[in-house]
Amino acid sequence: MPQLTPFTASTLAVAAILLLPGCTGDAPLVLPSPESSTAPVFASDEEALAAAEAAYGEYLRLLDEIFSDGGVGGDRLNAVAAAELVERQAVGFEEAMAAGETSFGTTTFDSMELQQYDSGAPGGDSIVTVYVCQDVSQVDVRDKQGNSVVADGRATRIPFEVAFDLSSTQSKLIVGSTEIWTGADFCND
């Protein structure tokens, strides 16, 4: 039997490995995903929706409180909203302070409907998303002289899509983002 040189032996070994089934590149190797060891955050869609309603109610309550204080103390929102949303709202708080405007009344909401609940959402991603009708019909904004600065004919019921994140420090929902819904107006049907 002829002797193989080290180079020839290693070349044959590589060729044999490449010819093994599954190593030719024809079919990718698929490994089963591991079972999640963590329990879902909410036991049901109804529980997720109830948590979203509570979180959004607290968010609106704090917004009203901050604007009734003329935009002062916007950092209070940190307890109920994601950092990016707090930064976005800070612009409105600063504008209210600069203009000397103060709000009066209470913002409410209704018709909250669950769009999505993803208990397995990775950290930093929204875990609950809802559609909601925000009602500002009982809110007035006044200037330093006490005159209303609310435009005549403003929309008072506004459709929003609101996403909630799971707070890593408090294990509760916080408002991650709020966007006016640009699709069909489900608030004024």
N, C-alpha and C. Protein backbone atom coordinates (compact mmCIF):
# COMPACT_ATOMS: atom_id res chain seq x y z
N MET A 1 0.85 -1.17 0.00
CA MET A 1 0.00 0.00 0.00
C MET A 1 0.89 1.23 0.00
N PRO A 2 0.59 2.21 -0.87
CA PRO A 2 1.46 3.38 -0.96
C PRO A 2 1.30 4.29 0.25
N GLN A 3 2.36 4.96 0.62
CA GLN A 3 2.35 5.90 1.74
C GLN A 3 1.82 7.26 1.26
N LEU A 4 0.95 7.91 2.09
CA LEU A 4 0.43 9.24 1.77
C LEU A 4 1.30 10.29 2.46
N THR A 5 1.56 11.34 1.76
CA THR A 5 2.30 12.43 2.39
C THR A 5 1.35 13.17 3.32
N PRO A 6 1.88 13.89 4.30
CA PRO A 6 0.99 14.65 5.20
C PRO A 6 0.06 15.58 4.44
N PHE A 7 0.54 16.22 3.38
CA PHE A 7 -0.29 17.13 2.60
C PHE A 7 -1.44 16.38 1.94
N THR A 8 -1.16 15.23 1.32
CA THR A 8 -2.18 14.44 0.65
C THR A 8 -3.19 13.91 1.66
N ALA A 9 -2.76 13.50 2.82
CA ALA A 9 -3.66 12.97 3.84
C ALA A 9 -4.60 14.06 4.33
N SER A 10 -4.09 15.25 4.56
CA SER A 10 -4.96 16.32 5.06
C SER A 10 -5.92 16.78 3.97
N THR A 11 -5.50 16.76 2.71
CA THR A 11 -6.38 17.14 1.60
C THR A 11 -7.52 16.15 1.49
N LEU A 12 -7.23 14.86 1.61
CA LEU A 12 -8.28 13.84 1.55
C LEU A 12 -9.23 13.96 2.74
N ALA A 13 -8.72 14.30 3.91
CA ALA A 13 -9.57 14.45 5.10
C ALA A 13 -10.54 15.61 4.91
N VAL A 14 -10.05 16.73 4.38
CA VAL A 14 -10.93 17.89 4.13
C VAL A 14 -11.97 17.53 3.09
N ALA A 15 -11.58 16.85 2.03
CA ALA A 15 -12.51 16.45 0.98
C ALA A 15 -13.57 15.52 1.54
N ALA A 16 -13.19 14.60 2.40
CA ALA A 16 -14.16 13.67 2.99
C ALA A 16 -15.15 14.42 3.87
N ILE A 17 -14.68 15.39 4.62
CA ILE A 17 -15.57 16.17 5.48
C ILE A 17 -16.56 16.96 4.63
N LEU A 18 -16.09 17.56 3.55
CA LEU A 18 -16.97 18.35 2.70
C LEU A 18 -18.02 17.51 2.00
N LEU A 19 -17.75 16.25 1.82
CA LEU A 19 -18.71 15.39 1.14
C LEU A 19 -19.71 14.75 2.10
N LEU A 20 -19.54 14.94 3.38
CA LEU A 20 -20.51 14.40 4.33
C LEU A 20 -21.86 15.07 4.13
N PRO A 21 -22.95 14.34 4.31
CA PRO A 21 -24.28 14.95 4.17
C PRO A 21 -24.44 16.09 5.17
N GLY A 22 -25.07 17.18 4.72
CA GLY A 22 -25.30 18.33 5.58
C GLY A 22 -24.16 19.33 5.56
N CYS A 23 -23.03 18.98 4.99
CA CYS A 23 -21.90 19.89 4.96
C CYS A 23 -21.65 20.45 3.58
N THR A 24 -22.49 20.12 2.65
CA THR A 24 -22.25 20.55 1.28
C THR A 24 -22.82 21.92 0.99
N GLY A 25 -23.56 22.49 1.92
CA GLY A 25 -24.13 23.80 1.69
C GLY A 25 -25.49 23.74 1.05
N ASP A 26 -25.97 22.54 0.68
CA ASP A 26 -27.29 22.43 0.05
C ASP A 26 -28.40 22.74 1.04
N ALA A 27 -28.33 22.23 2.23
CA ALA A 27 -29.38 22.43 3.22
C ALA A 27 -28.76 22.99 4.49
N PRO A 28 -29.28 24.11 4.98
CA PRO A 28 -28.70 24.68 6.20
C PRO A 28 -29.03 23.81 7.41
N LEU A 29 -28.14 23.82 8.35
CA LEU A 29 -28.34 23.09 9.58
C LEU A 29 -29.28 23.89 10.47
N VAL A 30 -30.42 23.30 10.84
CA VAL A 30 -31.42 23.98 11.66
C VAL A 30 -31.43 23.34 13.03
N LEU A 31 -31.16 24.17 14.03
CA LEU A 31 -31.19 23.69 15.40
C LEU A 31 -32.50 24.10 16.04
N PRO A 32 -33.10 23.25 16.84
CA PRO A 32 -34.35 23.64 17.50
C PRO A 32 -34.10 24.79 18.46
N SER A 33 -35.08 25.70 18.54
CA SER A 33 -34.91 26.83 19.46
C SER A 33 -35.14 26.35 20.89
N PRO A 34 -34.39 26.91 21.80
CA PRO A 34 -34.54 26.47 23.19
C PRO A 34 -35.88 26.93 23.74
N GLU A 35 -36.42 26.15 24.64
CA GLU A 35 -37.67 26.51 25.29
C GLU A 35 -37.41 27.68 26.23
N SER A 36 -38.32 28.63 26.24
CA SER A 36 -38.17 29.78 27.11
C SER A 36 -38.38 29.34 28.55
N SER A 37 -37.51 29.80 29.42
CA SER A 37 -37.62 29.42 30.82
C SER A 37 -38.35 30.49 31.62
N THR A 38 -38.71 31.62 30.97
CA THR A 38 -39.42 32.67 31.67
C THR A 38 -40.90 32.60 31.35
N ALA A 39 -41.70 32.89 32.34
CA ALA A 39 -43.14 32.89 32.17
C ALA A 39 -43.56 34.17 31.45
N PRO A 40 -44.68 34.13 30.73
CA PRO A 40 -45.17 35.36 30.10
C PRO A 40 -45.43 36.43 31.15
N VAL A 41 -45.29 37.68 30.75
CA VAL A 41 -45.50 38.80 31.66
C VAL A 41 -46.95 38.86 32.11
N PHE A 42 -47.87 38.63 31.18
CA PHE A 42 -49.30 38.65 31.48
C PHE A 42 -49.91 37.30 31.12
N ALA A 43 -50.87 36.88 31.90
CA ALA A 43 -51.49 35.58 31.68
C ALA A 43 -52.42 35.57 30.47
N SER A 44 -52.88 36.75 30.05
CA SER A 44 -53.83 36.81 28.93
C SER A 44 -53.75 38.17 28.26
N ASP A 45 -54.39 38.26 27.09
CA ASP A 45 -54.49 39.54 26.39
C ASP A 45 -55.27 40.54 27.24
N GLU A 46 -56.28 40.07 27.94
CA GLU A 46 -57.10 40.94 28.78
C GLU A 46 -56.26 41.56 29.91
N GLU A 47 -55.39 40.76 30.48
CA GLU A 47 -54.51 41.26 31.54
C GLU A 47 -53.51 42.28 30.99
N ALA A 48 -53.01 42.03 29.80
CA ALA A 48 -52.09 42.97 29.16
C ALA A 48 -52.80 44.29 28.86
N LEU A 49 -54.04 44.21 28.39
CA LEU A 49 -54.82 45.41 28.09
C LEU A 49 -55.12 46.20 29.37
N ALA A 50 -55.45 45.52 30.44
CA ALA A 50 -55.72 46.19 31.72
C ALA A 50 -54.47 46.92 32.22
N ALA A 51 -53.31 46.30 32.08
CA ALA A 51 -52.06 46.94 32.49
C ALA A 51 -51.77 48.16 31.62
N ALA A 52 -52.07 48.06 30.32
CA ALA A 52 -51.87 49.20 29.41
C ALA A 52 -52.81 50.35 29.78
N GLU A 53 -54.05 50.03 30.11
CA GLU A 53 -55.00 51.07 30.52
C GLU A 53 -54.51 51.80 31.77
N ALA A 54 -54.03 51.06 32.75
CA ALA A 54 -53.52 51.67 33.99
C ALA A 54 -52.29 52.53 33.69
N ALA A 55 -51.37 52.03 32.89
CA ALA A 55 -50.14 52.77 32.58
C ALA A 55 -50.46 54.05 31.79
N TYR A 56 -51.37 53.96 30.83
CA TYR A 56 -51.70 55.13 30.03
C TYR A 56 -52.45 56.17 30.86
N GLY A 57 -53.32 55.71 31.74
CA GLY A 57 -54.02 56.64 32.63
C GLY A 57 -53.06 57.42 33.50
N GLU A 58 -52.05 56.75 34.03
CA GLU A 58 -51.05 57.43 34.87
C GLU A 58 -50.21 58.39 34.04
N TYR A 59 -49.87 57.99 32.83
CA TYR A 59 -49.10 58.85 31.92
C TYR A 59 -49.87 60.14 31.63
N LEU A 60 -51.15 60.03 31.27
CA LEU A 60 -51.96 61.22 30.97
C LEU A 60 -52.14 62.08 32.21
N ARG A 61 -52.32 61.47 33.36
CA ARG A 61 -52.48 62.22 34.61
C ARG A 61 -51.24 63.08 34.87
N LEU A 62 -50.06 62.48 34.69
CA LEU A 62 -48.82 63.23 34.91
C LEU A 62 -48.62 64.32 33.86
N LEU A 63 -48.95 64.04 32.60
CA LEU A 63 -48.85 65.08 31.57
C LEU A 63 -49.72 66.27 31.94
N ASP A 64 -50.98 66.00 32.32
CA ASP A 64 -51.88 67.09 32.72
C ASP A 64 -51.31 67.87 33.90
N GLU A 65 -50.75 67.15 34.86
CA GLU A 65 -50.18 67.78 36.05
C GLU A 65 -49.01 68.69 35.69
N ILE A 66 -48.13 68.20 34.83
CA ILE A 66 -46.95 68.99 34.43
C ILE A 66 -47.38 70.22 33.63
N PHE A 67 -48.31 70.04 32.69
CA PHE A 67 -48.76 71.20 31.91
C PHE A 67 -49.57 72.17 32.77
N SER A 68 -50.27 71.69 33.78
CA SER A 68 -50.99 72.61 34.67
C SER A 68 -50.01 73.40 35.53
N ASP A 69 -48.80 72.88 35.68
CA ASP A 69 -47.73 73.59 36.39
C ASP A 69 -46.90 74.43 35.41
N GLY A 70 -47.39 74.62 34.20
CA GLY A 70 -46.70 75.45 33.21
C GLY A 70 -45.51 74.78 32.57
N GLY A 71 -45.43 73.45 32.65
CA GLY A 71 -44.32 72.72 32.04
C GLY A 71 -43.17 72.45 33.00
N VAL A 72 -43.31 72.91 34.22
CA VAL A 72 -42.25 72.73 35.23
C VAL A 72 -42.32 71.30 35.78
N GLY A 73 -41.17 70.70 35.98
CA GLY A 73 -41.10 69.37 36.60
C GLY A 73 -41.36 68.23 35.64
N GLY A 74 -40.94 68.40 34.40
CA GLY A 74 -41.14 67.36 33.40
C GLY A 74 -40.48 66.04 33.73
N ASP A 75 -39.49 66.07 34.63
CA ASP A 75 -38.81 64.83 35.00
C ASP A 75 -39.73 63.85 35.73
N ARG A 76 -40.90 64.32 36.18
CA ARG A 76 -41.87 63.41 36.81
C ARG A 76 -42.33 62.33 35.85
N LEU A 77 -42.24 62.62 34.57
CA LEU A 77 -42.67 61.67 33.55
C LEU A 77 -41.77 60.44 33.48
N ASN A 78 -40.55 60.55 34.00
CA ASN A 78 -39.60 59.42 33.98
C ASN A 78 -40.17 58.16 34.63
N ALA A 79 -41.07 58.31 35.57
CA ALA A 79 -41.63 57.16 36.27
C ALA A 79 -42.60 56.35 35.42
N VAL A 80 -43.13 56.96 34.34
CA VAL A 80 -44.18 56.27 33.57
C VAL A 80 -43.91 56.20 32.08
N ALA A 81 -42.77 56.74 31.62
CA ALA A 81 -42.50 56.78 30.19
C ALA A 81 -41.03 56.46 29.90
N ALA A 82 -40.80 55.95 28.70
CA ALA A 82 -39.44 55.65 28.24
C ALA A 82 -38.67 56.94 28.03
N ALA A 83 -37.36 56.87 28.16
CA ALA A 83 -36.49 58.05 28.08
C ALA A 83 -36.69 58.84 26.80
N GLU A 84 -36.81 58.16 25.67
CA GLU A 84 -36.98 58.85 24.38
C GLU A 84 -38.29 59.65 24.35
N LEU A 85 -39.35 59.10 24.91
CA LEU A 85 -40.63 59.81 24.96
C LEU A 85 -40.56 60.99 25.92
N VAL A 86 -39.89 60.82 27.03
CA VAL A 86 -39.71 61.92 27.99
C VAL A 86 -38.97 63.08 27.32
N GLU A 87 -37.94 62.77 26.54
CA GLU A 87 -37.19 63.80 25.83
C GLU A 87 -38.08 64.52 24.82
N ARG A 88 -38.91 63.76 24.12
CA ARG A 88 -39.82 64.36 23.14
C ARG A 88 -40.82 65.29 23.82
N GLN A 89 -41.36 64.86 24.95
CA GLN A 89 -42.33 65.67 25.68
C GLN A 89 -41.66 66.91 26.29
N ALA A 90 -40.39 66.82 26.61
CA ALA A 90 -39.67 67.95 27.21
C ALA A 90 -39.73 69.18 26.32
N VAL A 91 -39.76 68.98 25.01
CA VAL A 91 -39.86 70.11 24.08
C VAL A 91 -41.17 70.86 24.33
N GLY A 92 -42.26 70.15 24.49
CA GLY A 92 -43.55 70.78 24.78
C GLY A 92 -43.56 71.48 26.12
N PHE A 93 -42.91 70.87 27.11
CA PHE A 93 -42.83 71.50 28.43
C PHE A 93 -42.07 72.82 28.35
N GLU A 94 -40.95 72.82 27.62
CA GLU A 94 -40.14 74.03 27.47
C GLU A 94 -40.92 75.12 26.74
N GLU A 95 -41.68 74.73 25.70
CA GLU A 95 -42.49 75.70 24.97
C GLU A 95 -43.55 76.30 25.88
N ALA A 96 -44.19 75.48 26.71
CA ALA A 96 -45.20 75.98 27.64
C ALA A 96 -44.58 76.97 28.63
N MET A 97 -43.40 76.63 29.16
CA MET A 97 -42.72 77.54 30.10
C MET A 97 -42.37 78.86 29.42
N ALA A 98 -41.80 78.78 28.21
CA ALA A 98 -41.37 79.99 27.50
C ALA A 98 -42.57 80.90 27.19
N ALA A 99 -43.71 80.30 26.86
CA ALA A 99 -44.89 81.09 26.50
C ALA A 99 -45.71 81.48 27.73
N GLY A 100 -45.40 80.90 28.87
CA GLY A 100 -46.17 81.18 30.07
C GLY A 100 -47.57 80.58 30.01
N GLU A 101 -47.70 79.46 29.31
CA GLU A 101 -49.01 78.81 29.16
C GLU A 101 -49.21 77.73 30.20
N THR A 102 -50.46 77.60 30.61
CA THR A 102 -50.84 76.62 31.62
C THR A 102 -52.10 75.92 31.14
N SER A 103 -52.19 74.63 31.40
CA SER A 103 -53.41 73.91 31.01
C SER A 103 -54.31 73.72 32.22
N PHE A 104 -55.59 73.58 31.91
CA PHE A 104 -56.61 73.36 32.93
C PHE A 104 -57.50 72.24 32.42
N GLY A 105 -57.87 71.33 33.30
CA GLY A 105 -58.76 70.24 32.91
C GLY A 105 -58.04 68.91 32.87
N THR A 106 -58.77 67.92 32.45
CA THR A 106 -58.27 66.55 32.48
C THR A 106 -58.38 65.89 31.11
N THR A 107 -57.29 65.30 30.67
CA THR A 107 -57.28 64.49 29.45
C THR A 107 -57.74 63.09 29.81
N THR A 108 -58.65 62.56 29.02
CA THR A 108 -59.15 61.21 29.26
C THR A 108 -58.92 60.36 28.02
N PHE A 109 -59.25 59.10 28.11
CA PHE A 109 -59.16 58.22 26.95
C PHE A 109 -60.25 57.16 27.06
N ASP A 110 -60.56 56.58 25.91
CA ASP A 110 -61.53 55.48 25.89
C ASP A 110 -61.25 54.62 24.66
N SER A 111 -62.05 53.62 24.50
CA SER A 111 -61.97 52.74 23.33
C SER A 111 -60.61 52.11 23.12
N MET A 112 -59.88 51.84 24.21
CA MET A 112 -58.57 51.21 24.05
C MET A 112 -58.76 49.78 23.55
N GLU A 113 -58.04 49.47 22.49
CA GLU A 113 -58.13 48.14 21.88
C GLU A 113 -56.73 47.58 21.69
N LEU A 114 -56.54 46.35 22.10
CA LEU A 114 -55.24 45.71 21.98
C LEU A 114 -54.92 45.44 20.52
N GLN A 115 -53.79 45.95 20.07
CA GLN A 115 -53.31 45.66 18.73
C GLN A 115 -52.38 44.46 18.77
N GLN A 116 -51.47 44.44 19.78
CA GLN A 116 -50.49 43.36 19.86
C GLN A 116 -49.99 43.21 21.28
N TYR A 117 -49.81 41.97 21.69
CA TYR A 117 -49.15 41.65 22.95
C TYR A 117 -48.13 40.58 22.65
N ASP A 118 -46.87 40.88 22.90
CA ASP A 118 -45.78 39.94 22.61
C ASP A 118 -44.99 39.71 23.89
N SER A 119 -45.32 38.66 24.61
CA SER A 119 -44.66 38.39 25.89
C SER A 119 -43.18 38.06 25.72
N GLY A 120 -42.78 37.70 24.51
CA GLY A 120 -41.39 37.35 24.27
C GLY A 120 -40.58 38.46 23.64
N ALA A 121 -41.11 39.67 23.64
CA ALA A 121 -40.38 40.79 23.02
C ALA A 121 -39.05 41.00 23.73
N PRO A 122 -37.99 41.17 22.96
CA PRO A 122 -36.68 41.41 23.59
C PRO A 122 -36.67 42.73 24.35
N GLY A 123 -35.79 42.82 25.32
CA GLY A 123 -35.67 44.05 26.11
C GLY A 123 -35.51 45.27 25.22
N GLY A 124 -36.23 46.33 25.54
CA GLY A 124 -36.17 47.55 24.75
C GLY A 124 -37.20 47.61 23.65
N ASP A 125 -37.85 46.47 23.34
CA ASP A 125 -38.90 46.47 22.33
C ASP A 125 -40.25 46.53 23.02
N SER A 126 -41.24 47.05 22.29
CA SER A 126 -42.58 47.17 22.85
C SER A 126 -43.17 45.79 23.09
N ILE A 127 -43.79 45.64 24.24
CA ILE A 127 -44.39 44.37 24.60
C ILE A 127 -45.90 44.41 24.37
N VAL A 128 -46.50 45.60 24.49
CA VAL A 128 -47.94 45.78 24.26
C VAL A 128 -48.12 47.01 23.37
N THR A 129 -48.99 46.89 22.37
CA THR A 129 -49.34 48.02 21.51
C THR A 129 -50.86 48.08 21.44
N VAL A 130 -51.39 49.30 21.56
CA VAL A 130 -52.85 49.48 21.56
C VAL A 130 -53.24 50.62 20.63
N TYR A 131 -54.53 50.61 20.28
CA TYR A 131 -55.17 51.76 19.67
C TYR A 131 -56.01 52.38 20.77
N VAL A 132 -56.03 53.72 20.82
CA VAL A 132 -56.79 54.39 21.88
C VAL A 132 -57.29 55.74 21.38
N CYS A 133 -58.45 56.14 21.89
CA CYS A 133 -59.00 57.46 21.60
C CYS A 133 -58.70 58.37 22.78
N GLN A 134 -57.93 59.40 22.53
CA GLN A 134 -57.59 60.36 23.57
C GLN A 134 -58.56 61.53 23.45
N ASP A 135 -59.11 61.96 24.58
CA ASP A 135 -60.13 63.01 24.61
C ASP A 135 -59.61 64.23 25.37
N VAL A 136 -59.48 65.36 24.66
CA VAL A 136 -59.02 66.60 25.28
C VAL A 136 -60.14 67.63 25.33
N SER A 137 -61.38 67.19 25.22
CA SER A 137 -62.51 68.13 25.20
C SER A 137 -62.64 68.92 26.49
N GLN A 138 -62.12 68.39 27.60
CA GLN A 138 -62.22 69.08 28.89
C GLN A 138 -60.94 69.82 29.27
N VAL A 139 -60.03 70.00 28.30
CA VAL A 139 -58.75 70.66 28.56
C VAL A 139 -58.71 72.01 27.86
N ASP A 140 -58.32 73.02 28.60
CA ASP A 140 -58.12 74.35 28.05
C ASP A 140 -56.67 74.75 28.34
N VAL A 141 -56.09 75.51 27.45
CA VAL A 141 -54.73 76.04 27.64
C VAL A 141 -54.86 77.56 27.62
N ARG A 142 -54.28 78.19 28.65
CA ARG A 142 -54.40 79.65 28.78
C ARG A 142 -53.03 80.31 28.86
N ASP A 143 -53.00 81.53 28.35
CA ASP A 143 -51.76 82.30 28.40
C ASP A 143 -51.63 83.00 29.75
N LYS A 144 -50.59 83.84 29.90
CA LYS A 144 -50.32 84.53 31.17
C LYS A 144 -51.48 85.41 31.63
N GLN A 145 -52.22 85.93 30.67
CA GLN A 145 -53.34 86.80 31.00
C GLN A 145 -54.64 86.03 31.27
N GLY A 146 -54.58 84.71 31.13
CA GLY A 146 -55.76 83.89 31.38
C GLY A 146 -56.64 83.68 30.17
N ASN A 147 -56.16 84.08 28.98
CA ASN A 147 -56.94 83.91 27.76
C ASN A 147 -56.66 82.52 27.16
N SER A 148 -57.71 81.88 26.67
CA SER A 148 -57.55 80.58 26.04
C SER A 148 -56.76 80.70 24.75
N VAL A 149 -55.83 79.79 24.53
CA VAL A 149 -55.05 79.77 23.29
C VAL A 149 -55.40 78.54 22.44
N VAL A 150 -56.49 77.87 22.84
CA VAL A 150 -56.94 76.70 22.09
C VAL A 150 -57.64 77.17 20.81
N ALA A 151 -57.25 76.59 19.70
CA ALA A 151 -57.83 76.96 18.40
C ALA A 151 -59.29 76.54 18.33
N ASP A 152 -60.10 77.41 17.74
CA ASP A 152 -61.50 77.06 17.51
C ASP A 152 -61.56 75.86 16.58
N GLY A 153 -62.45 74.96 16.87
CA GLY A 153 -62.64 73.79 16.01
C GLY A 153 -61.56 72.73 16.13
N ARG A 154 -60.75 72.78 17.18
CA ARG A 154 -59.71 71.75 17.33
C ARG A 154 -60.37 70.37 17.47
N ALA A 155 -59.66 69.38 17.07
CA ALA A 155 -60.13 68.00 17.27
C ALA A 155 -60.05 67.71 18.76
N THR A 156 -61.09 67.13 19.31
CA THR A 156 -61.08 66.84 20.74
C THR A 156 -60.93 65.35 21.04
N ARG A 157 -61.22 64.51 20.06
CA ARG A 157 -61.00 63.06 20.21
C ARG A 157 -60.03 62.63 19.12
N ILE A 158 -58.86 62.17 19.57
CA ILE A 158 -57.78 61.91 18.64
C ILE A 158 -57.36 60.45 18.73
N PRO A 159 -57.28 59.76 17.57
CA PRO A 159 -56.85 58.36 17.59
C PRO A 159 -55.33 58.27 17.71
N PHE A 160 -54.89 57.41 18.62
CA PHE A 160 -53.46 57.19 18.83
C PHE A 160 -53.14 55.70 18.75
N GLU A 161 -51.91 55.43 18.37
CA GLU A 161 -51.32 54.11 18.52
C GLU A 161 -50.26 54.29 19.61
N VAL A 162 -50.40 53.52 20.67
CA VAL A 162 -49.50 53.67 21.81
C VAL A 162 -48.79 52.34 22.06
N ALA A 163 -47.49 52.40 22.21
CA ALA A 163 -46.69 51.20 22.49
C ALA A 163 -46.17 51.30 23.91
N PHE A 164 -46.16 50.17 24.59
CA PHE A 164 -45.71 50.09 25.98
C PHE A 164 -44.51 49.17 26.07
N ASP A 165 -43.56 49.58 26.88
CA ASP A 165 -42.37 48.78 27.16
C ASP A 165 -42.48 48.25 28.58
N LEU A 166 -41.76 47.21 28.86
CA LEU A 166 -41.70 46.69 30.21
C LEU A 166 -40.55 47.38 30.91
N SER A 167 -40.85 48.08 31.99
CA SER A 167 -39.81 48.76 32.76
C SER A 167 -38.89 47.71 33.38
N SER A 168 -37.61 47.84 33.14
CA SER A 168 -36.66 46.86 33.68
C SER A 168 -36.45 47.04 35.17
N THR A 169 -36.70 48.23 35.67
CA THR A 169 -36.46 48.48 37.08
C THR A 169 -37.71 48.29 37.94
N GLN A 170 -38.90 48.45 37.34
CA GLN A 170 -40.12 48.39 38.14
C GLN A 170 -41.02 47.22 37.79
N SER A 171 -40.69 46.45 36.76
CA SER A 171 -41.50 45.31 36.30
C SER A 171 -42.95 45.70 36.08
N LYS A 172 -43.15 46.84 35.41
CA LYS A 172 -44.49 47.28 35.04
C LYS A 172 -44.41 47.92 33.67
N LEU A 173 -45.56 48.14 33.05
CA LEU A 173 -45.58 48.78 31.75
C LEU A 173 -45.33 50.28 31.90
N ILE A 174 -44.55 50.81 30.95
CA ILE A 174 -44.38 52.25 30.82
C ILE A 174 -44.69 52.60 29.37
N VAL A 175 -45.08 53.83 29.12
CA VAL A 175 -45.40 54.25 27.77
C VAL A 175 -44.09 54.43 27.01
N GLY A 176 -43.97 53.69 25.92
CA GLY A 176 -42.76 53.74 25.11
C GLY A 176 -42.85 54.75 23.98
N SER A 177 -44.03 54.83 23.35
CA SER A 177 -44.23 55.79 22.26
C SER A 177 -45.71 56.05 22.08
N THR A 178 -46.01 57.24 21.59
CA THR A 178 -47.38 57.61 21.24
C THR A 178 -47.33 58.27 19.87
N GLU A 179 -48.14 57.80 18.97
CA GLU A 179 -48.18 58.36 17.63
C GLU A 179 -49.65 58.56 17.24
N ILE A 180 -49.96 59.72 16.68
CA ILE A 180 -51.31 59.92 16.18
C ILE A 180 -51.53 58.93 15.04
N TRP A 181 -52.65 58.22 15.11
CA TRP A 181 -52.99 57.23 14.09
C TRP A 181 -53.42 57.95 12.82
N THR A 182 -52.79 57.63 11.71
CA THR A 182 -53.08 58.32 10.45
C THR A 182 -54.02 57.52 9.56
N GLY A 183 -54.40 56.33 10.00
CA GLY A 183 -55.36 55.53 9.24
C GLY A 183 -56.77 56.04 9.48
N ALA A 184 -57.73 55.20 9.22
CA ALA A 184 -59.14 55.57 9.42
C ALA A 184 -59.35 56.01 10.88
N ASP A 185 -60.08 57.09 11.06
CA ASP A 185 -60.32 57.65 12.39
C ASP A 185 -61.34 56.78 13.11
N PHE A 186 -60.86 55.95 14.02
CA PHE A 186 -61.73 55.06 14.76
C PHE A 186 -62.36 55.73 15.98
N CYS A 187 -62.01 56.98 16.26
CA CYS A 187 -62.56 57.69 17.41
C CYS A 187 -63.87 58.39 17.10
N ASN A 188 -64.05 58.77 15.86
CA ASN A 188 -65.23 59.57 15.51
C ASN A 188 -66.11 58.87 14.50
N ASP A 189 -66.23 57.57 14.63
CA ASP A 189 -67.08 56.79 13.71
C ASP A 189 -68.55 57.01 14.01
